[in-house]
Protein backbone atom coordinates (compact mmCIF):
# COMPACT_ATOMS: atom_id res chain seq x y z
CA MET A 1 -59.17 91.22 115.06
CA ASP A 2 -56.17 93.00 115.83
CA LEU A 3 -57.99 96.29 117.09
CA THR A 4 -56.20 99.72 117.38
CA PRO A 5 -56.51 101.25 120.44
CA SER A 6 -58.87 104.38 119.67
CA PRO A 7 -57.01 108.37 119.63
CA LEU A 8 -59.92 108.95 121.84
CA ALA A 9 -59.29 106.34 124.20
CA LYS A 10 -57.98 107.03 128.18
CA PRO A 11 -56.76 104.99 130.41
CA PHE A 12 -58.04 103.73 132.59
CA PRO A 13 -58.38 104.87 136.19
CA ALA A 14 -57.06 103.90 139.97
CA MET A 15 -60.31 102.31 141.41
CA PRO A 16 -60.94 101.35 145.08
CA ALA A 17 -61.91 97.21 146.04
CA ILE A 18 -65.79 97.42 146.39
CA ASP A 19 -66.40 95.60 150.14
CA GLY A 20 -68.76 93.05 149.15
CA ALA A 21 -67.93 92.24 145.57
CA VAL A 22 -65.16 90.03 144.31
CA LEU A 23 -64.35 89.79 140.84
CA ARG A 24 -62.88 87.20 138.76
CA VAL A 25 -62.29 85.69 135.41
CA ALA A 26 -61.29 82.51 133.22
CA ARG A 27 -61.35 81.64 129.96
CA ALA A 28 -63.78 79.95 128.53
CA ARG A 29 -62.56 79.72 124.42
CA TYR A 30 -65.95 81.18 123.32
CA LYS A 31 -63.80 82.10 120.31
CA GLU A 32 -60.48 81.13 119.59
CA TRP A 33 -58.66 84.31 121.27
CA ASP A 34 -56.04 83.87 123.99
CA ARG A 35 -57.82 85.92 126.61
CA ALA A 36 -59.91 85.56 129.20
CA ASP A 37 -63.88 85.48 127.88
CA LEU A 38 -65.51 84.52 131.23
CA THR A 39 -66.28 87.45 134.07
CA PHE A 40 -67.80 86.42 137.62
CA ALA A 41 -68.29 88.96 140.40
CA GLU A 42 -69.58 87.29 143.41
CA LEU A 43 -71.59 89.45 145.96
CA ALA A 44 -72.21 89.76 149.30
CA GLU A 45 -75.62 88.19 150.88
CA GLY A 46 -78.41 90.85 150.90
CA THR A 47 -76.65 92.96 148.01
CA SER A 48 -79.21 95.35 146.23
CA VAL A 49 -79.33 95.25 142.79
CA ALA A 50 -81.43 96.90 139.59
CA GLY A 51 -80.67 96.88 135.85
CA VAL A 52 -81.44 98.65 132.68
CA PHE A 53 -82.44 96.25 129.43
CA THR A 54 -82.51 96.98 125.77
CA LYS A 55 -86.10 97.59 124.69
CA SER A 56 -85.57 95.13 121.20
CA ALA A 57 -87.50 92.96 120.40
CA CYS A 58 -85.66 90.28 119.48
CA ALA A 59 -83.65 90.50 123.16
CA SER A 60 -81.83 87.39 124.50
CA SER A 61 -82.84 85.13 127.27
CA GLU A 62 -80.08 86.64 129.07
CA VAL A 63 -81.95 89.60 129.16
CA GLU A 64 -85.15 88.54 129.58
CA LEU A 65 -84.38 86.46 132.83
CA GLY A 66 -82.52 89.84 134.25
CA ARG A 67 -85.79 91.73 133.25
CA GLU A 68 -87.82 88.78 135.40
CA ASN A 69 -85.62 88.89 138.56
CA VAL A 70 -84.45 91.60 138.98
CA ALA A 71 -87.82 92.99 140.34
CA ASN A 72 -86.69 90.47 143.43
CA GLY A 73 -84.39 93.00 144.14
CA HIS A 74 -81.31 90.76 145.14
CA ALA A 75 -77.90 89.83 143.95
CA ARG A 76 -75.89 87.13 144.85
CA ALA A 77 -73.38 86.57 141.31
CA LEU A 78 -72.59 87.83 138.01
CA VAL A 79 -71.57 85.98 134.96
CA VAL A 80 -70.27 87.80 131.75
CA ASN A 81 -69.73 85.76 128.58
CA ALA A 82 -67.89 87.67 126.19
CA GLY A 83 -67.55 86.41 121.65
CA ASN A 84 -70.97 84.89 121.90
CA SER A 85 -74.15 87.36 122.48
CA ASN A 86 -76.50 83.63 122.69
CA ALA A 87 -79.23 86.23 121.52
CA PHE A 88 -81.88 84.57 118.62
CA THR A 89 -80.73 81.11 120.02
CA GLY A 90 -83.94 79.71 121.25
CA TYR A 91 -85.04 77.43 124.02
CA ARG A 92 -81.25 76.23 123.89
CA GLY A 93 -79.65 79.33 124.30
CA ARG A 94 -81.97 79.92 127.46
CA GLU A 95 -81.08 76.05 128.49
CA ALA A 96 -77.56 77.88 128.35
CA VAL A 97 -78.42 80.50 131.14
CA VAL A 98 -80.39 78.91 132.75
CA GLN A 99 -77.60 76.17 133.73
CA ILE A 100 -74.93 78.78 134.16
CA MET A 101 -77.54 80.12 136.79
CA GLU A 102 -78.17 76.75 138.24
CA GLN A 103 -74.22 76.31 138.69
CA VAL A 104 -73.65 79.26 140.34
CA SER A 105 -76.62 78.90 142.49
CA GLU A 106 -75.63 75.39 143.78
CA ALA A 107 -71.94 76.54 144.63
CA LEU A 108 -72.95 80.03 146.53
CA GLY A 109 -76.02 78.43 148.17
CA CYS A 110 -78.04 81.18 146.83
CA PRO A 111 -81.68 80.97 144.49
CA ALA A 112 -81.22 80.75 141.03
CA GLU A 113 -82.89 84.14 140.32
CA GLN A 114 -79.97 86.16 142.54
CA VAL A 115 -77.75 84.84 139.70
CA PHE A 116 -77.16 86.95 136.88
CA VAL A 117 -76.11 86.37 133.19
CA SER A 118 -75.14 88.62 130.65
CA SER A 119 -73.65 87.57 126.89
CA THR A 120 -72.01 89.90 124.38
CA GLY A 121 -70.64 88.70 120.83
CA VAL A 122 -72.19 86.97 117.60
CA ILE A 123 -75.91 87.03 117.35
CA GLY A 124 -77.01 83.16 116.60
CA VAL A 125 -74.56 81.06 117.55
CA PRO A 126 -76.31 78.71 121.24
CA LEU A 127 -73.81 79.81 123.31
CA PRO A 128 -72.10 76.03 124.38
CA LYS A 129 -73.03 74.97 126.94
CA GLY A 130 -69.77 73.10 128.03
CA LYS A 131 -67.32 75.97 127.73
CA ALA A 132 -69.80 77.41 129.62
CA ARG A 133 -69.93 74.99 132.62
CA ALA A 134 -66.22 74.66 132.26
CA GLY A 135 -65.60 78.25 132.33
CA VAL A 136 -67.52 78.84 135.07
CA ALA A 137 -66.07 76.39 137.55
CA ALA A 138 -62.78 77.93 136.66
CA ALA A 139 -63.86 81.30 137.18
CA LEU A 140 -65.67 79.85 140.88
CA GLU A 141 -61.79 78.87 141.87
CA ALA A 142 -59.77 81.56 139.91
CA GLN A 143 -57.75 84.68 142.49
CA PRO A 144 -59.70 87.82 142.77
CA CYS A 145 -58.95 89.64 139.79
CA SER A 146 -58.48 93.91 139.14
CA TRP A 147 -61.14 96.54 137.82
CA GLU A 148 -58.92 96.77 134.80
CA GLU A 149 -58.71 92.34 133.81
CA ALA A 150 -62.39 92.34 134.56
CA ALA A 151 -63.13 95.27 131.95
CA SER A 152 -61.15 93.80 129.01
CA ALA A 153 -62.61 90.19 129.58
CA ILE A 154 -66.09 91.44 128.53
CA GLY A 155 -65.26 93.26 125.97
CA THR A 156 -65.70 92.11 122.33
CA THR A 157 -64.48 94.74 119.54
CA ASP A 158 -63.83 97.49 122.09
CA THR A 159 -59.94 98.46 121.82
CA PHE A 160 -59.31 99.94 125.19
CA THR A 161 -60.42 98.88 128.74
CA LYS A 162 -63.06 101.01 130.07
CA GLY A 163 -64.08 101.96 133.79
CA ALA A 164 -64.99 105.59 136.12
CA HIS A 165 -65.10 106.37 139.97
CA ALA A 166 -66.66 108.63 142.14
CA SER A 167 -67.39 108.57 145.99
CA ALA A 168 -70.11 110.43 147.53
CA LEU A 169 -70.27 110.70 151.59
CA VAL A 170 -73.84 109.61 152.51
CA GLY A 171 -75.21 110.39 156.05
CA GLY A 172 -71.42 111.02 156.89
CA THR A 173 -70.25 107.72 155.46
CA ARG A 174 -68.17 107.81 152.37
CA VAL A 175 -69.57 105.18 150.07
CA GLU A 176 -67.36 104.36 146.71
CA LEU A 177 -68.74 103.78 143.37
CA CYS A 178 -67.06 102.04 140.84
CA GLY A 179 -67.95 100.54 137.18
CA ILE A 180 -66.96 98.65 134.32
CA ILE A 181 -68.42 98.96 130.95
CA LYS A 182 -67.33 97.59 127.12
CA GLY A 183 -69.00 98.47 124.14
CA SER A 184 -67.99 100.08 121.00
CA GLY A 185 -70.56 99.48 117.66
CA MET A 186 -74.13 98.53 117.60
CA ILE A 187 -74.44 101.67 119.87
CA ALA A 188 -77.53 103.72 120.22
CA PRO A 189 -81.00 103.76 122.42
CA ASP A 190 -82.64 102.21 124.54
CA MET A 191 -80.68 102.25 125.98
CA ALA A 192 -77.08 102.38 124.23
CA THR A 193 -75.56 98.99 122.97
CA MET A 194 -73.50 97.99 125.80
CA LEU A 195 -72.69 95.69 128.75
CA GLY A 196 -72.12 98.22 131.61
CA TYR A 197 -71.95 96.70 135.31
CA ILE A 198 -71.63 99.51 138.39
CA PHE A 199 -70.73 98.23 141.64
CA THR A 200 -71.06 100.00 145.09
CA ASP A 201 -71.01 99.43 149.06
CA ALA A 202 -73.66 101.85 149.96
CA ALA A 203 -76.62 100.31 151.52
CA VAL A 204 -79.60 100.97 149.23
CA GLU A 205 -83.10 100.11 149.00
CA PRO A 206 -83.90 97.82 145.73
CA ALA A 207 -86.93 99.88 144.82
CA PHE A 208 -84.97 103.65 145.07
CA LEU A 209 -81.71 101.87 143.49
CA GLN A 210 -83.67 101.01 140.81
CA GLN A 211 -85.38 104.11 140.52
CA MET A 212 -81.88 106.30 140.87
CA LEU A 213 -80.16 103.92 137.92
CA SER A 214 -83.58 104.64 135.57
CA ARG A 215 -83.06 108.15 136.26
CA ALA A 216 -79.40 108.51 135.35
CA SER A 217 -79.62 106.04 132.39
CA SER A 218 -81.73 108.19 130.94
CA GLU A 219 -79.48 111.05 131.08
CA THR A 220 -76.49 109.37 130.34
CA PHE A 221 -76.73 105.83 128.31
CA SER A 222 -79.94 106.63 126.34
CA CYS A 223 -77.99 109.52 125.15
CA ILE A 224 -75.17 108.70 123.38
CA THR A 225 -74.94 106.89 119.65
CA VAL A 226 -72.55 105.73 117.30
CA ASP A 227 -73.98 104.00 114.68
CA GLY A 228 -78.09 104.28 115.47
CA ASP A 229 -78.38 100.27 116.31
CA THR A 230 -79.25 98.81 119.13
CA SER A 231 -78.46 95.19 120.43
CA THR A 232 -79.88 92.41 121.57
CA SER A 233 -78.09 92.58 124.52
CA ASP A 234 -78.01 95.53 126.10
CA THR A 235 -77.87 95.64 129.95
CA VAL A 236 -76.36 98.61 132.63
CA MET A 237 -77.20 96.66 136.33
CA LEU A 238 -76.09 98.50 139.67
CA PHE A 239 -74.96 96.73 142.59
CA ALA A 240 -74.87 97.68 145.82
CA THR A 241 -73.67 95.50 148.70
CA GLY A 242 -73.99 97.45 151.74
CA LYS A 243 -71.09 96.88 153.39
CA ALA A 244 -70.15 101.12 153.95
CA GLY A 245 -72.45 101.17 156.93
CA ASN A 246 -74.56 103.86 155.73
CA PRO A 247 -77.82 105.09 156.93
CA VAL A 248 -79.77 102.73 154.50
CA LEU A 249 -81.02 105.35 151.29
CA SER A 250 -85.35 104.35 151.16
CA GLY A 251 -85.75 107.65 149.17
CA TRP A 252 -84.69 110.98 147.85
CA GLU A 253 -85.32 111.80 151.06
CA SER A 254 -83.07 110.09 153.23
CA ALA A 255 -79.50 112.08 154.32
CA GLY A 256 -77.60 111.91 151.28
CA ALA A 257 -79.44 110.30 148.65
CA ASP A 258 -78.63 113.34 146.52
CA ALA A 259 -74.91 113.52 147.14
CA PHE A 260 -75.20 109.49 146.17
CA TYR A 261 -77.18 110.05 142.87
CA SER A 262 -74.81 112.86 142.08
CA ALA A 263 -71.81 110.38 142.28
CA LEU A 264 -74.01 107.54 140.24
CA LEU A 265 -74.73 110.36 137.78
CA GLU A 266 -70.78 111.02 137.31
CA VAL A 267 -70.11 107.69 136.84
CA CYS A 268 -72.45 106.64 134.27
CA ARG A 269 -72.15 109.89 132.12
CA GLU A 270 -68.32 108.86 132.34
CA LEU A 271 -68.98 105.43 131.19
CA ALA A 272 -71.53 106.56 128.82
CA GLN A 273 -69.04 108.62 127.00
CA LEU A 274 -66.02 106.07 127.25
CA VAL A 275 -68.15 103.87 124.64
CA VAL A 276 -68.58 107.07 122.19
CA ARG A 277 -64.67 107.47 122.24
CA ASP A 278 -64.51 104.03 121.38
CA GLY A 279 -67.03 103.75 118.31
CA GLU A 280 -65.85 101.26 115.57
CA GLY A 281 -63.54 103.71 113.74
CA ALA A 282 -63.67 106.69 115.47
CA GLN A 283 -61.78 109.69 115.34
CA LYS A 284 -63.37 112.67 116.67
CA PHE A 285 -65.56 112.46 119.85
CA ILE A 286 -68.73 114.78 119.35
CA GLU A 287 -71.15 116.64 121.48
CA ILE A 288 -74.58 117.49 120.21
CA ALA A 289 -76.11 120.71 122.38
CA VAL A 290 -80.09 121.51 121.44
CA THR A 291 -81.75 124.49 123.05
CA GLY A 292 -84.68 126.23 122.18
CA ALA A 293 -86.91 122.82 121.57
CA THR A 294 -91.02 122.94 122.70
CA ASP A 295 -89.59 120.64 125.60
CA ASP A 296 -87.04 118.95 126.55
CA ALA A 297 -87.80 115.43 125.08
CA SER A 298 -88.03 117.16 121.67
CA ALA A 299 -84.77 118.38 121.35
CA ARG A 300 -83.61 114.62 122.35
CA LYS A 301 -84.82 113.74 119.56
CA ILE A 302 -83.08 116.03 117.20
CA ALA A 303 -80.49 116.03 118.80
CA MET A 304 -81.22 112.12 118.36
CA SER A 305 -81.68 112.75 114.91
CA ILE A 306 -78.51 114.82 114.12
CA ALA A 307 -76.05 112.63 115.99
CA ASN A 308 -77.16 109.55 113.65
CA SER A 309 -77.08 111.61 110.49
CA PRO A 310 -73.83 109.97 108.69
CA LEU A 311 -73.80 113.27 106.15
CA VAL A 312 -72.88 114.79 109.76
CA LYS A 313 -71.00 112.78 110.86
CA THR A 314 -68.85 112.17 107.84
CA ALA A 315 -68.07 115.54 107.16
CA ILE A 316 -67.41 116.06 110.60
CA ALA A 317 -64.34 113.10 109.77
CA GLY A 318 -63.27 115.40 106.78
CA GLY A 319 -63.33 118.30 108.71
CA ASP A 320 -66.27 119.93 106.98
CA ALA A 321 -68.05 122.83 108.44
CA ASN A 322 -71.40 121.84 106.68
CA TRP A 323 -73.69 123.04 108.41
CA GLY A 324 -76.57 121.82 105.89
CA ARG A 325 -76.52 118.60 107.15
CA VAL A 326 -77.28 120.25 110.30
CA VAL A 327 -80.45 121.54 108.98
CA MET A 328 -81.01 118.58 107.05
CA ALA A 329 -80.69 116.64 110.30
CA VAL A 330 -83.30 118.80 111.78
CA GLY A 331 -85.48 119.30 109.69
CA LYS A 332 -86.26 115.26 109.45
CA ALA A 333 -86.44 114.62 113.20
CA GLY A 334 -89.84 114.60 112.73
CA GLU A 335 -90.29 117.58 115.83
CA PRO A 336 -90.84 120.95 115.83
CA ALA A 337 -88.96 123.68 113.90
CA ASP A 338 -88.96 126.80 112.27
CA ARG A 339 -86.32 127.24 109.74
CA ASP A 340 -86.77 130.95 110.47
CA SER A 341 -85.24 130.66 113.75
CA LEU A 342 -82.94 128.02 113.67
CA SER A 343 -79.05 128.64 114.24
CA ILE A 344 -76.49 126.04 114.55
CA GLY A 345 -73.10 126.61 115.31
CA PHE A 346 -69.61 124.85 115.76
CA GLY A 347 -67.32 124.60 118.29
CA GLY A 348 -68.72 128.12 119.95
CA THR A 349 -68.72 129.86 116.41
CA TRP A 350 -72.36 130.60 115.49
CA ALA A 351 -72.51 129.62 110.90
CA ALA A 352 -76.25 130.54 110.92
CA ARG A 353 -78.64 132.63 113.38
CA ASP A 354 -82.02 133.06 112.66
CA GLY A 355 -82.68 130.85 109.94
CA GLN A 356 -79.83 132.49 108.19
CA PRO A 357 -76.06 132.38 107.25
CA LEU A 358 -74.01 135.41 109.22
CA PRO A 359 -72.76 138.48 106.72
CA ASP A 360 -69.48 138.45 108.67
CA TYR A 361 -69.25 134.15 109.47
CA ASP A 362 -65.73 133.14 109.55
CA GLU A 363 -64.84 129.72 108.53
CA ALA A 364 -61.32 129.56 110.09
CA PRO A 365 -62.34 129.20 113.69
CA VAL A 366 -64.68 126.30 112.60
CA ALA A 367 -62.30 124.69 110.43
CA ARG A 368 -59.47 124.89 113.18
CA HIS A 369 -62.11 123.57 115.54
CA LEU A 370 -63.04 120.95 113.08
CA GLU A 371 -59.52 119.34 112.92
CA GLY A 372 -59.51 118.86 116.66
CA GLN A 373 -60.88 115.64 118.45
CA ASP A 374 -63.35 116.98 121.01
CA ILE A 375 -65.92 118.22 118.27
CA ARG A 376 -69.44 120.54 119.82
CA ILE A 377 -72.41 121.47 117.60
CA ASP A 378 -74.38 124.04 118.64
CA VAL A 379 -78.54 123.63 118.03
CA ASP A 380 -80.91 126.59 118.93
CA LEU A 381 -84.44 126.02 118.08
CA GLY A 382 -85.83 129.90 119.22
CA LEU A 383 -88.69 127.67 119.98
CA GLY A 384 -89.27 127.40 124.00
CA ALA A 385 -87.22 126.05 126.73
CA GLY A 386 -86.35 123.21 125.59
CA ARG A 387 -82.82 121.49 126.22
CA ALA A 388 -80.97 118.23 125.33
CA THR A 389 -77.01 117.07 125.02
CA VAL A 390 -76.32 113.90 122.72
CA TRP A 391 -72.69 112.50 122.83
CA THR A 392 -71.79 110.57 119.31
CA CYS A 393 -68.81 110.04 117.10
CA ASP A 394 -67.74 110.52 113.49
CA LEU A 395 -68.01 107.82 111.01
CA THR A 396 -64.98 106.79 109.07
CA HIS A 397 -64.06 104.10 107.09
CA GLY A 398 -62.54 102.00 109.97
CA TYR A 399 -66.35 101.41 110.92
CA ILE A 400 -66.88 99.25 108.08
CA ASP A 401 -63.55 97.38 108.41
CA ILE A 402 -64.32 96.35 111.81
CA ASN A 403 -67.87 94.90 110.95
CA ALA A 404 -66.61 93.60 107.74
CA ASP A 405 -64.48 91.03 109.60
CA TYR A 406 -66.76 90.79 112.86
CA ARG A 407 -67.43 87.17 112.56
CA SER A 408 -63.63 86.42 111.97
């Protein structure tokens, strides 16, 4: 499939190496393509791990085993397969995952449960064991690769590579955080449909690492949507090698914990927004800010109702300031709302206030705003202090084109 880079794409950032994490890629040839499609990350002994996974009832074996093993708190390796999700494949799919775990375990001399596997691609086709074994063997012998090469190898319908970097001072020691992610379609919580991996050289106890990742995910990855569909394979993992030499972070009271979390949140937010910017067929990036809800949870449900509305998304695609469609999406959300206190705006210009169109409303600045690539919709319910911000993209014919040809 020939995919033109998204007009919303950002260049891949400069990212430093993370001490204790070595990346390699190989060609397992899971599909008929001439590219690397297996990514291998070797991690230092003692690396802490945290993960958040899809809540899909049809999750893949990779997700099931990941959920089980992340509780052990440590990781030595990560293997990511692109082109085949290995989901809905029964015992054969699980056997393929176990085979990969045992192959890497033997090579590194570590417990199999410290080897994490992710797969992404077509659902319903068992991961070919022969190709997986050969791909892993090639990766184990490959030369270390760059962040961008690894980001490219985990992609499927992605049109550009996605990465993010931040740093923080922890107890006077500078620590680095680098993340890569894939995702373009089938994007909606929980979490957003994606495979994302964040690596840091900070020393963090596993339980606290999990606490921070779960919190950051709820503020970022679970606040994006492209099409309202959730995958069977969604995974975001965080690996902390401990090689920076900082005092170990064990809780929020630890020196530098807040700084580390701020950096983690920055990386997660950037990765999440990059996925939306690569939404299949996307031409516009949309931020939806809801205020005045009864509480934050209600605000987020209303914001996601707007973000997942095909009518809203196609209106934005066409540059139509049809705020009536936003009213519709608010009303169908099933959350407290009062027509007579509702206000709606686009790009900083209010179109309706307190349930009525503004008598002096001028659509010209809104029309100019909607001609751009970065769109903002504001909704104030006038009921309370609840607020939430989510991100989505418009819906164009390109989405149909990409997904109609996905299995070819």
